[in-house]
N, C-alpha and C. Protein backbone atom coordinates (compact mmCIF):
# COMPACT_ATOMS: atom_id res chain seq x y z
N MET A 1 -16.75 22.50 8.51
CA MET A 1 -15.34 22.90 8.28
C MET A 1 -14.72 22.18 7.13
N THR A 2 -14.09 22.92 6.43
CA THR A 2 -13.40 22.13 5.29
C THR A 2 -11.99 22.90 5.16
N ALA A 3 -11.16 21.90 5.01
CA ALA A 3 -9.50 22.37 4.85
C ALA A 3 -8.92 21.49 3.80
N PHE A 4 -8.15 22.08 3.16
CA PHE A 4 -7.47 21.49 1.96
C PHE A 4 -5.89 21.60 2.06
N VAL A 5 -5.24 20.66 1.68
CA VAL A 5 -3.95 20.61 1.54
C VAL A 5 -3.61 19.96 0.02
N ARG A 6 -2.80 20.83 -0.59
CA ARG A 6 -2.55 20.39 -2.07
C ARG A 6 -0.99 20.01 -2.00
N LEU A 7 -0.62 18.87 -2.70
CA LEU A 7 0.64 18.60 -2.65
C LEU A 7 1.03 18.19 -4.12
N LEU A 8 1.89 19.02 -4.68
CA LEU A 8 2.14 18.64 -6.22
C LEU A 8 3.63 17.85 -6.20
N LEU A 9 3.47 16.79 -6.99
CA LEU A 9 4.75 16.03 -7.10
C LEU A 9 5.39 16.17 -8.30
N ARG A 10 6.61 16.62 -8.39
CA ARG A 10 7.37 16.83 -9.58
C ARG A 10 7.93 15.53 -10.02
N HIS A 11 7.76 14.67 -10.79
CA HIS A 11 8.15 13.55 -11.04
C HIS A 11 8.50 13.31 -12.54
N ARG A 12 9.92 13.26 -12.86
CA ARG A 12 10.35 13.51 -13.94
C ARG A 12 9.94 14.73 -14.71
N PRO A 13 9.43 14.98 -15.86
CA PRO A 13 8.95 16.08 -16.33
C PRO A 13 7.56 16.44 -16.19
N VAL A 14 6.88 15.45 -15.56
CA VAL A 14 5.55 15.48 -15.38
C VAL A 14 5.00 15.95 -13.99
N VAL A 15 4.34 16.93 -13.87
CA VAL A 15 3.66 17.19 -12.53
C VAL A 15 2.59 16.47 -12.17
N LEU A 16 2.42 15.82 -11.13
CA LEU A 16 1.22 15.04 -10.63
C LEU A 16 0.80 15.63 -9.33
N ALA A 17 -0.29 15.43 -9.29
CA ALA A 17 -0.99 16.07 -8.06
C ALA A 17 -1.79 15.15 -7.05
N LEU A 18 -1.62 15.41 -5.70
CA LEU A 18 -2.41 14.82 -4.80
C LEU A 18 -3.04 15.89 -4.03
N THR A 19 -4.43 15.79 -3.83
CA THR A 19 -4.96 16.53 -3.04
C THR A 19 -5.76 15.87 -1.89
N VAL A 20 -5.46 16.42 -0.61
CA VAL A 20 -6.19 15.84 0.56
C VAL A 20 -7.13 16.85 0.92
N ALA A 21 -8.31 16.39 1.56
CA ALA A 21 -9.33 17.19 1.84
C ALA A 21 -9.89 16.61 3.26
N PHE A 22 -10.20 17.65 4.02
CA PHE A 22 -10.62 17.33 5.45
C PHE A 22 -12.21 17.89 5.47
N ILE A 23 -13.22 17.13 5.08
CA ILE A 23 -14.40 17.64 4.77
C ILE A 23 -15.40 17.10 6.04
N ALA A 24 -15.78 18.10 6.73
CA ALA A 24 -16.50 17.80 8.12
C ALA A 24 -15.77 16.77 8.72
N ALA A 25 -16.41 15.52 8.99
CA ALA A 25 -15.61 14.48 9.79
C ALA A 25 -14.83 13.33 8.76
N GLY A 26 -15.08 13.69 7.62
CA GLY A 26 -14.56 12.65 6.57
C GLY A 26 -12.95 13.21 6.14
N LEU A 27 -12.10 12.26 5.85
CA LEU A 27 -10.72 12.46 5.19
C LEU A 27 -10.76 11.95 3.55
N VAL A 28 -10.38 12.77 2.83
CA VAL A 28 -10.45 12.28 1.26
C VAL A 28 -9.05 12.58 0.82
N ALA A 29 -8.78 11.50 -0.20
CA ALA A 29 -7.38 11.81 -0.99
C ALA A 29 -7.61 11.41 -2.43
N TRP A 30 -7.16 12.41 -3.18
CA TRP A 30 -7.33 12.43 -4.66
C TRP A 30 -5.84 12.38 -5.08
N SER A 31 -5.62 11.51 -5.89
CA SER A 31 -4.20 11.20 -6.60
C SER A 31 -4.01 10.87 -7.95
N ARG A 32 -3.04 11.56 -8.72
CA ARG A 32 -3.01 10.93 -10.06
C ARG A 32 -1.91 9.79 -10.24
N LEU A 33 -1.26 9.78 -9.05
CA LEU A 33 -0.29 8.72 -8.95
C LEU A 33 -1.14 7.45 -8.35
N PRO A 34 -0.71 6.05 -8.92
CA PRO A 34 -1.48 4.86 -8.31
C PRO A 34 -1.33 4.84 -6.82
N ILE A 35 -2.48 4.59 -6.14
CA ILE A 35 -2.43 4.36 -4.66
C ILE A 35 -2.20 2.98 -4.49
N GLU A 36 -1.04 2.63 -3.82
CA GLU A 36 -0.56 1.10 -3.58
C GLU A 36 -1.34 0.63 -2.42
N ALA A 37 -1.38 1.50 -1.49
CA ALA A 37 -1.96 0.89 -0.10
C ALA A 37 -2.71 2.22 0.53
N GLN A 38 -3.76 1.89 1.25
CA GLN A 38 -4.39 2.95 1.99
C GLN A 38 -5.20 2.27 3.37
N GLN A 39 -5.14 3.22 4.30
CA GLN A 39 -5.98 2.92 5.43
C GLN A 39 -6.60 4.29 6.08
N GLY A 40 -7.78 3.79 6.78
CA GLY A 40 -8.14 5.03 7.55
C GLY A 40 -8.19 4.60 9.10
N VAL A 41 -7.94 5.44 10.01
CA VAL A 41 -8.01 4.94 11.39
C VAL A 41 -8.72 6.10 12.03
N PHE A 42 -9.64 5.83 13.06
CA PHE A 42 -10.04 6.70 13.99
C PHE A 42 -9.16 6.92 15.01
N LEU A 43 -9.05 8.16 15.47
CA LEU A 43 -8.03 8.56 16.70
C LEU A 43 -8.78 8.63 17.91
N THR A 44 -8.44 8.33 19.11
CA THR A 44 -9.06 8.71 20.23
C THR A 44 -9.18 10.36 20.53
N SER A 45 -10.58 10.58 21.12
CA SER A 45 -10.59 12.00 21.16
C SER A 45 -11.54 12.10 22.13
N ILE A 46 -11.29 13.30 23.05
CA ILE A 46 -12.38 13.61 24.13
C ILE A 46 -13.40 14.63 23.49
N GLY A 47 -13.25 15.10 22.24
CA GLY A 47 -14.26 15.95 21.69
C GLY A 47 -14.70 15.21 20.35
N LYS A 48 -14.74 16.07 19.36
CA LYS A 48 -15.38 15.50 18.08
C LYS A 48 -14.37 14.35 17.62
N GLN A 49 -15.03 13.51 16.97
CA GLN A 49 -14.21 12.28 16.34
C GLN A 49 -13.17 12.76 15.54
N THR A 50 -11.87 12.23 15.69
CA THR A 50 -10.87 12.74 14.71
C THR A 50 -10.20 11.39 14.08
N GLY A 51 -9.56 11.66 12.97
CA GLY A 51 -8.92 10.45 12.39
C GLY A 51 -7.70 10.92 11.39
N VAL A 52 -7.00 9.70 10.97
CA VAL A 52 -6.08 9.66 10.08
C VAL A 52 -6.33 8.96 8.86
N GLN A 53 -5.82 9.47 7.83
CA GLN A 53 -6.05 8.48 6.38
C GLN A 53 -4.40 8.39 5.96
N TYR A 54 -4.11 7.31 5.48
CA TYR A 54 -2.87 6.96 5.03
C TYR A 54 -3.07 6.39 3.58
N VAL A 55 -2.15 6.89 2.77
CA VAL A 55 -1.98 6.51 1.33
C VAL A 55 -0.51 6.16 0.91
N ARG A 56 -0.33 4.96 0.30
CA ARG A 56 1.01 4.77 -0.16
C ARG A 56 1.05 5.12 -1.73
N LEU A 57 1.81 6.09 -2.24
CA LEU A 57 1.74 6.26 -3.77
C LEU A 57 3.03 5.54 -4.06
N ARG A 58 3.07 5.04 -5.44
CA ARG A 58 4.07 4.41 -6.02
C ARG A 58 4.06 4.84 -7.61
N ALA A 59 5.03 5.39 -8.06
CA ALA A 59 5.17 5.74 -9.64
C ALA A 59 5.48 4.44 -10.28
N GLN A 60 5.57 4.67 -11.65
CA GLN A 60 5.74 3.37 -12.44
C GLN A 60 7.42 3.19 -12.27
N ASP A 61 8.30 4.03 -12.09
CA ASP A 61 9.62 3.68 -11.60
C ASP A 61 9.94 3.39 -10.41
N ARG A 62 8.91 3.15 -9.57
CA ARG A 62 9.15 2.48 -8.30
C ARG A 62 9.43 3.71 -7.03
N ALA A 63 9.17 4.81 -7.45
CA ALA A 63 9.23 5.89 -6.37
C ALA A 63 8.33 5.98 -5.48
N VAL A 64 8.31 5.97 -4.16
CA VAL A 64 7.39 5.68 -3.19
C VAL A 64 7.23 7.00 -2.25
N LEU A 65 6.00 7.29 -1.93
CA LEU A 65 5.71 8.42 -0.99
C LEU A 65 4.54 7.93 -0.27
N ASP A 66 4.64 7.93 1.23
CA ASP A 66 3.63 7.75 2.17
C ASP A 66 3.09 9.20 2.46
N VAL A 67 1.79 9.25 2.62
CA VAL A 67 1.11 10.42 2.88
C VAL A 67 0.07 10.15 3.70
N TYR A 68 0.03 10.94 4.98
CA TYR A 68 -1.01 11.04 6.00
C TYR A 68 -1.65 12.21 6.08
N ASN A 69 -3.13 12.05 5.99
CA ASN A 69 -3.66 13.31 6.26
C ASN A 69 -4.53 13.16 7.60
N THR A 70 -4.50 14.34 8.36
CA THR A 70 -5.28 14.18 9.51
C THR A 70 -5.91 15.46 10.04
N GLU A 71 -6.86 15.26 11.05
CA GLU A 71 -7.40 16.57 11.54
C GLU A 71 -7.58 16.23 13.17
N LEU A 72 -6.75 16.77 13.90
CA LEU A 72 -6.63 16.61 15.32
C LEU A 72 -7.76 17.45 15.96
N GLY A 73 -7.93 17.23 17.29
CA GLY A 73 -8.89 17.59 18.08
C GLY A 73 -8.84 19.16 18.11
N TYR A 74 -10.04 19.98 18.36
CA TYR A 74 -9.97 21.44 18.44
C TYR A 74 -9.58 21.88 19.80
N LEU A 75 -9.05 23.05 19.98
CA LEU A 75 -8.81 23.51 21.26
C LEU A 75 -9.78 24.67 21.45
N ILE A 76 -10.80 24.65 22.31
CA ILE A 76 -11.98 25.44 22.42
C ILE A 76 -12.01 26.03 23.96
N LYS A 77 -11.77 27.29 24.10
CA LYS A 77 -11.74 27.90 25.51
C LYS A 77 -12.87 27.66 26.31
N ASP A 78 -14.15 27.64 25.82
CA ASP A 78 -15.30 27.52 26.57
C ASP A 78 -15.80 26.10 26.58
N SER A 79 -15.02 25.12 26.31
CA SER A 79 -15.23 23.54 26.34
C SER A 79 -15.35 23.13 27.92
N THR A 80 -16.11 21.78 28.10
CA THR A 80 -15.99 21.43 29.36
C THR A 80 -14.65 20.88 29.79
N GLN A 81 -13.64 20.75 28.99
CA GLN A 81 -12.44 20.34 29.12
C GLN A 81 -11.55 21.55 29.05
N SER A 82 -10.30 21.52 29.98
CA SER A 82 -9.52 22.75 29.91
C SER A 82 -8.72 22.52 28.50
N VAL A 83 -7.96 23.76 28.22
CA VAL A 83 -7.20 23.65 26.90
C VAL A 83 -6.03 22.89 27.15
N ASP A 84 -5.48 22.72 28.50
CA ASP A 84 -4.44 21.96 28.73
C ASP A 84 -4.80 20.40 28.54
N VAL A 85 -5.90 19.88 28.94
CA VAL A 85 -6.47 18.55 28.62
C VAL A 85 -6.76 18.41 27.20
N GLN A 86 -7.17 19.41 26.60
CA GLN A 86 -7.48 19.34 25.05
C GLN A 86 -6.03 19.24 24.33
N GLU A 87 -5.02 19.88 24.94
CA GLU A 87 -3.64 19.70 24.23
C GLU A 87 -3.09 18.44 24.38
N LYS A 88 -3.36 17.76 25.40
CA LYS A 88 -2.76 16.54 25.87
C LYS A 88 -3.39 15.56 24.83
N ASP A 89 -4.81 15.67 24.73
CA ASP A 89 -5.52 15.11 23.68
C ASP A 89 -4.79 14.92 22.38
N GLN A 90 -4.51 16.13 22.00
CA GLN A 90 -4.01 16.34 20.52
C GLN A 90 -2.44 15.48 20.63
N LEU A 91 -1.80 15.55 21.69
CA LEU A 91 -0.35 15.03 21.73
C LEU A 91 -0.77 13.17 21.85
N ALA A 92 -1.72 12.99 22.27
CA ALA A 92 -2.09 11.49 22.20
C ALA A 92 -2.56 11.05 20.84
N GLN A 93 -3.23 11.96 20.18
CA GLN A 93 -3.61 11.69 18.78
C GLN A 93 -2.27 11.62 17.88
N ARG A 94 -1.40 12.46 18.12
CA ARG A 94 -0.26 12.53 17.50
C ARG A 94 0.52 11.22 17.66
N ASP A 95 0.65 10.74 18.89
CA ASP A 95 1.22 9.59 19.17
C ASP A 95 0.69 8.38 18.39
N GLN A 96 -0.68 8.30 18.33
CA GLN A 96 -1.29 7.46 17.50
C GLN A 96 -1.08 7.33 16.12
N ILE A 97 -0.82 8.67 15.65
CA ILE A 97 -0.42 8.73 13.99
C ILE A 97 1.11 8.26 13.98
N PHE A 98 1.83 8.56 14.86
CA PHE A 98 3.31 7.96 14.92
C PHE A 98 3.18 6.56 14.91
N GLY A 99 2.44 5.94 15.67
CA GLY A 99 2.39 4.39 15.78
C GLY A 99 2.06 3.89 14.36
N LEU A 100 0.97 4.45 13.59
CA LEU A 100 0.52 4.11 12.42
C LEU A 100 1.79 4.34 11.52
N ILE A 101 2.48 5.39 11.56
CA ILE A 101 3.69 5.44 10.53
C ILE A 101 4.59 4.50 10.97
N ASN A 102 4.92 3.96 12.22
CA ASN A 102 5.90 2.97 12.41
C ASN A 102 5.46 1.58 11.96
N GLN A 103 4.09 1.39 11.96
CA GLN A 103 3.53 0.19 11.37
C GLN A 103 3.64 0.17 9.97
N ASN A 104 3.41 1.14 9.46
CA ASN A 104 3.64 1.14 7.69
C ASN A 104 5.10 1.35 7.25
N ASP A 105 6.06 1.81 8.17
CA ASP A 105 7.48 1.96 7.73
C ASP A 105 8.30 1.84 8.95
N PRO A 106 8.49 0.60 9.40
CA PRO A 106 9.21 0.14 10.59
C PRO A 106 10.62 0.81 10.58
N THR A 107 11.21 0.86 9.41
CA THR A 107 12.54 1.38 9.36
C THR A 107 12.61 2.93 9.30
N LEU A 108 11.64 3.53 9.09
CA LEU A 108 11.39 5.10 9.09
C LEU A 108 12.36 5.60 7.92
N THR A 109 12.26 4.90 6.85
CA THR A 109 13.17 5.20 5.54
C THR A 109 12.38 5.78 4.45
N THR A 110 11.10 5.53 4.51
CA THR A 110 10.30 6.12 3.28
C THR A 110 9.88 7.44 3.19
N ARG A 111 9.96 8.06 2.22
CA ARG A 111 9.63 9.58 2.27
C ARG A 111 8.11 9.58 2.76
N THR A 112 7.91 10.57 3.39
CA THR A 112 6.73 10.81 4.28
C THR A 112 6.23 12.26 4.44
N VAL A 113 4.88 12.51 3.98
CA VAL A 113 4.46 13.70 4.31
C VAL A 113 3.17 13.52 5.15
N ILE A 114 3.16 14.33 6.03
CA ILE A 114 1.87 14.44 6.96
C ILE A 114 1.25 15.83 6.78
N GLY A 115 -0.15 15.82 6.45
CA GLY A 115 -0.69 17.13 6.44
C GLY A 115 -2.04 17.18 6.95
N GLY A 116 -2.43 18.37 7.34
CA GLY A 116 -3.81 18.54 7.93
C GLY A 116 -3.94 19.57 8.87
N SER A 117 -5.20 19.64 9.42
CA SER A 117 -5.55 20.64 10.42
C SER A 117 -5.02 20.09 11.74
N PHE A 118 -3.99 20.71 12.24
CA PHE A 118 -3.60 20.10 13.58
C PHE A 118 -4.11 20.96 14.73
N ASN A 119 -4.76 21.95 14.33
CA ASN A 119 -5.48 22.94 15.38
C ASN A 119 -4.78 23.54 16.55
N ASN A 120 -3.47 23.71 16.07
CA ASN A 120 -2.80 24.33 17.24
C ASN A 120 -1.73 25.21 16.47
N THR A 121 -0.96 26.01 17.16
CA THR A 121 -0.06 27.13 16.53
C THR A 121 1.21 26.76 16.64
N PRO A 122 2.30 27.66 15.95
CA PRO A 122 3.64 27.19 16.04
C PRO A 122 3.97 27.75 17.45
N GLY A 123 4.90 27.06 17.95
CA GLY A 123 5.16 27.37 19.39
C GLY A 123 4.67 26.45 20.54
N SER A 124 3.62 25.81 20.02
CA SER A 124 2.86 24.73 20.88
C SER A 124 3.76 23.61 21.23
N ASP A 125 3.48 22.92 22.27
CA ASP A 125 4.12 21.51 22.35
C ASP A 125 3.96 20.78 21.38
N LEU A 126 2.70 20.74 20.75
CA LEU A 126 2.51 19.79 19.62
C LEU A 126 3.38 20.16 18.59
N TYR A 127 3.50 21.37 18.17
CA TYR A 127 4.24 21.90 17.02
C TYR A 127 5.97 21.35 17.42
N GLN A 128 6.33 21.65 18.39
CA GLN A 128 7.72 21.40 18.70
C GLN A 128 7.87 20.05 18.77
N SER A 129 7.06 19.08 19.21
CA SER A 129 7.26 17.62 19.15
C SER A 129 7.20 17.30 17.73
N MET A 130 6.32 17.72 16.80
CA MET A 130 6.43 17.48 15.21
C MET A 130 7.70 17.78 14.69
N ALA A 131 8.17 19.05 15.12
CA ALA A 131 9.49 19.51 14.66
C ALA A 131 10.62 18.81 14.89
N GLN A 132 10.61 17.88 15.73
CA GLN A 132 11.89 17.20 16.19
C GLN A 132 11.93 16.06 15.28
N SER A 133 10.92 15.53 14.50
CA SER A 133 10.99 14.26 13.73
C SER A 133 10.74 14.79 12.19
N PHE A 134 10.22 15.85 11.91
CA PHE A 134 9.89 16.17 10.63
C PHE A 134 10.06 17.71 10.32
N LEU A 135 10.22 18.01 9.04
CA LEU A 135 10.53 19.36 8.64
C LEU A 135 9.30 20.21 8.30
N ASP A 136 9.26 21.35 8.68
CA ASP A 136 8.13 22.26 8.48
C ASP A 136 8.36 23.13 7.39
N PRO A 137 7.99 22.93 5.91
CA PRO A 137 8.46 23.61 4.93
C PRO A 137 8.10 25.07 4.84
N LEU A 138 7.06 25.29 5.67
CA LEU A 138 6.57 26.94 5.61
C LEU A 138 7.17 27.63 6.77
N VAL A 139 8.18 27.08 7.47
CA VAL A 139 8.74 27.86 8.56
C VAL A 139 9.39 28.96 8.03
N GLY A 140 9.97 29.19 6.87
CA GLY A 140 10.60 30.25 6.54
C GLY A 140 10.02 31.35 5.84
N LEU A 141 8.59 31.24 5.79
CA LEU A 141 7.75 32.22 5.17
C LEU A 141 7.35 33.29 6.18
N ALA A 142 7.09 34.55 5.65
CA ALA A 142 6.77 35.44 6.35
C ALA A 142 5.40 35.01 7.22
N GLU A 143 5.29 35.36 8.51
CA GLU A 143 4.12 34.94 9.19
C GLU A 143 2.63 35.18 8.37
N GLU A 144 2.60 36.51 7.76
CA GLU A 144 1.47 36.60 7.08
C GLU A 144 1.22 35.92 5.82
N LYS A 145 2.27 35.39 5.48
CA LYS A 145 2.22 34.47 4.10
C LYS A 145 1.83 33.07 4.39
N ALA A 146 1.90 32.58 5.81
CA ALA A 146 1.81 31.33 6.31
C ALA A 146 0.44 31.22 6.94
N ILE A 147 -0.30 32.14 6.87
CA ILE A 147 -1.60 31.97 7.65
C ILE A 147 -2.58 30.88 6.93
N THR A 148 -3.13 30.00 7.66
CA THR A 148 -3.99 28.85 7.05
C THR A 148 -5.47 29.01 7.67
N TRP A 149 -5.73 29.93 8.65
CA TRP A 149 -6.96 29.89 9.22
C TRP A 149 -7.34 31.28 9.41
N ARG A 150 -8.56 31.64 8.99
CA ARG A 150 -9.11 33.02 9.27
C ARG A 150 -10.65 32.96 9.44
N LEU A 151 -10.88 33.82 10.36
CA LEU A 151 -12.33 33.88 10.91
C LEU A 151 -13.03 35.25 10.36
N VAL A 152 -14.19 35.47 10.44
CA VAL A 152 -14.93 36.56 9.85
C VAL A 152 -14.57 37.80 10.68
N ASN A 153 -14.06 37.66 11.83
CA ASN A 153 -13.66 38.87 12.71
C ASN A 153 -12.20 39.14 12.30
N ASN A 154 -11.74 38.65 11.29
CA ASN A 154 -10.32 38.95 11.01
C ASN A 154 -9.20 38.30 11.97
N VAL A 155 -9.57 37.42 12.64
CA VAL A 155 -8.60 36.73 13.63
C VAL A 155 -8.11 35.64 12.72
N THR A 156 -6.64 35.59 12.60
CA THR A 156 -5.75 34.67 11.80
C THR A 156 -4.86 33.82 12.51
N SER A 157 -4.54 32.75 12.03
CA SER A 157 -3.35 32.03 12.69
C SER A 157 -3.08 30.74 11.59
N ARG A 158 -2.00 30.09 12.18
CA ARG A 158 -1.59 29.11 11.25
C ARG A 158 -1.90 27.70 12.10
N VAL A 159 -2.82 26.97 11.72
CA VAL A 159 -3.29 25.66 12.31
C VAL A 159 -3.16 24.37 11.40
N ASP A 160 -3.05 24.61 10.10
CA ASP A 160 -2.98 23.67 9.16
C ASP A 160 -1.29 23.45 8.70
N TYR A 161 -0.87 22.32 8.71
CA TYR A 161 0.42 22.10 8.20
C TYR A 161 0.76 20.90 7.36
N LEU A 162 1.96 21.03 6.71
CA LEU A 162 2.47 19.93 5.91
C LEU A 162 3.94 19.72 6.61
N TRP A 163 4.16 18.32 6.97
CA TRP A 163 5.34 17.93 7.68
C TRP A 163 6.24 16.99 6.66
N LEU A 164 7.29 17.06 6.63
CA LEU A 164 8.21 16.39 5.68
C LEU A 164 9.13 15.54 6.45
N ARG A 165 9.28 14.34 5.85
CA ARG A 165 10.40 13.39 6.24
C ARG A 165 11.11 12.86 5.16
N ARG A 166 12.38 13.01 4.81
CA ARG A 166 13.03 12.58 3.70
C ARG A 166 12.60 13.12 2.35
N VAL A 167 11.91 14.24 2.22
CA VAL A 167 11.20 14.91 1.11
C VAL A 167 11.94 16.35 1.19
N THR A 168 12.35 16.68 -0.07
CA THR A 168 12.78 18.09 -0.08
C THR A 168 11.69 19.14 -0.88
N PRO A 169 11.37 19.97 -0.27
CA PRO A 169 10.55 21.10 -1.15
C PRO A 169 11.10 21.76 -1.91
N LEU A 170 10.31 21.98 -3.15
CA LEU A 170 10.79 22.84 -4.35
C LEU A 170 9.98 24.02 -4.24
N GLN A 171 8.78 23.92 -3.84
CA GLN A 171 7.98 25.31 -3.64
C GLN A 171 6.89 25.10 -2.59
N VAL A 172 6.84 26.10 -1.82
CA VAL A 172 5.75 25.96 -0.68
C VAL A 172 5.05 27.24 -0.59
N GLY A 173 3.74 27.19 -0.42
CA GLY A 173 3.00 28.48 -0.20
C GLY A 173 1.60 28.06 0.52
N VAL A 174 0.82 29.26 0.59
CA VAL A 174 -0.58 29.08 1.11
C VAL A 174 -1.48 29.79 0.09
N ALA A 175 -2.34 28.96 -0.30
CA ALA A 175 -3.42 29.68 -1.42
C ALA A 175 -4.82 29.77 -0.72
N PRO A 176 -5.32 31.08 -0.99
CA PRO A 176 -6.62 31.42 -0.28
C PRO A 176 -7.73 30.44 -0.99
N LEU A 177 -8.58 30.19 0.01
CA LEU A 177 -9.90 29.53 -0.21
C LEU A 177 -11.01 30.36 0.15
N THR A 178 -11.80 30.96 -0.83
CA THR A 178 -12.87 31.84 -0.39
C THR A 178 -14.02 31.19 0.32
N SER A 179 -14.09 30.00 -0.05
CA SER A 179 -15.27 29.22 0.57
C SER A 179 -15.04 28.56 1.88
N SER A 180 -13.96 28.77 2.51
CA SER A 180 -13.63 28.21 3.60
C SER A 180 -12.75 29.27 4.51
N THR A 181 -12.89 28.67 5.97
CA THR A 181 -12.14 29.57 6.94
C THR A 181 -10.55 29.03 6.93
N HIS A 182 -10.36 28.07 6.12
CA HIS A 182 -9.02 27.71 6.12
C HIS A 182 -8.32 27.72 4.66
N ASN A 183 -7.19 28.21 4.51
CA ASN A 183 -6.37 28.31 3.51
C ASN A 183 -5.78 27.15 3.09
N MET A 184 -5.37 26.88 1.80
CA MET A 184 -4.67 25.66 1.49
C MET A 184 -3.15 25.62 1.31
N ALA A 185 -2.54 24.82 2.28
CA ALA A 185 -1.21 24.80 2.31
C ALA A 185 -0.75 24.06 0.94
N VAL A 186 0.24 24.57 0.16
CA VAL A 186 0.61 23.99 -0.94
C VAL A 186 2.19 23.64 -0.98
N LEU A 187 2.33 22.53 -1.36
CA LEU A 187 3.85 22.05 -1.60
C LEU A 187 3.95 21.37 -2.78
N GLU A 188 5.15 21.75 -3.39
CA GLU A 188 5.71 20.98 -4.59
C GLU A 188 7.08 20.42 -4.28
N ILE A 189 7.11 19.00 -4.40
CA ILE A 189 8.22 18.17 -4.01
C ILE A 189 8.77 17.52 -5.28
N GLY A 190 10.31 17.41 -5.29
CA GLY A 190 10.79 16.24 -6.25
C GLY A 190 10.81 14.95 -5.85
N LEU A 191 10.25 13.96 -6.45
CA LEU A 191 10.21 12.64 -6.01
C LEU A 191 11.02 11.86 -7.04
N LEU A 192 12.14 11.47 -6.40
CA LEU A 192 13.05 10.62 -7.29
C LEU A 192 12.91 9.24 -6.82
N PRO A 193 13.22 8.27 -7.90
CA PRO A 193 12.98 6.98 -7.96
C PRO A 193 13.79 6.25 -6.47
N THR A 194 13.17 5.27 -5.82
CA THR A 194 13.77 4.58 -4.86
C THR A 194 14.78 3.65 -5.39
N PRO A 195 16.06 3.44 -4.86
CA PRO A 195 17.18 2.62 -5.13
C PRO A 195 16.48 1.09 -5.15
N GLY A 196 16.86 0.26 -6.06
CA GLY A 196 16.48 -1.10 -6.00
C GLY A 196 15.33 -1.28 -6.55
């Protein structure tokens, strides 16, 4: 499984790119902005191993952006665990990510983007709990334009997300990837300098 999230940062007149990729069990971040800090953490999981990757980006004029990319556990109907148990596992993984965010930003004032395969749909408890603290920039798109997951039997859904805090989206969308079952959520933001 490969899923991609591309984040375009408009910083002054220059467009800088950060691409995070979820390749099999690995998490990868590429950035044209300097990476000031980074950390990878395994998340507890009743299924396949999951994790979160953190990078702090800082531009030359001191603008800061914290980016977390993740892949949460799958929801599988024919699993040995019930879907309810698997959803609770996802909520525990979310709590671990929130713990990492609080560790890296105790005042919760840093611009933050969380992206990745959350493997759950809008309307789920996981989605609702994320929406309490973060903005979903794709929420206004028509459902068919926000599809991030498609199978060969034409089953589609939205399971990949970008979540924003203290970040204003300039443009959002989903770009198809022909070599993956996941489409790429795309976000362009304005990144202004941090005061002081």
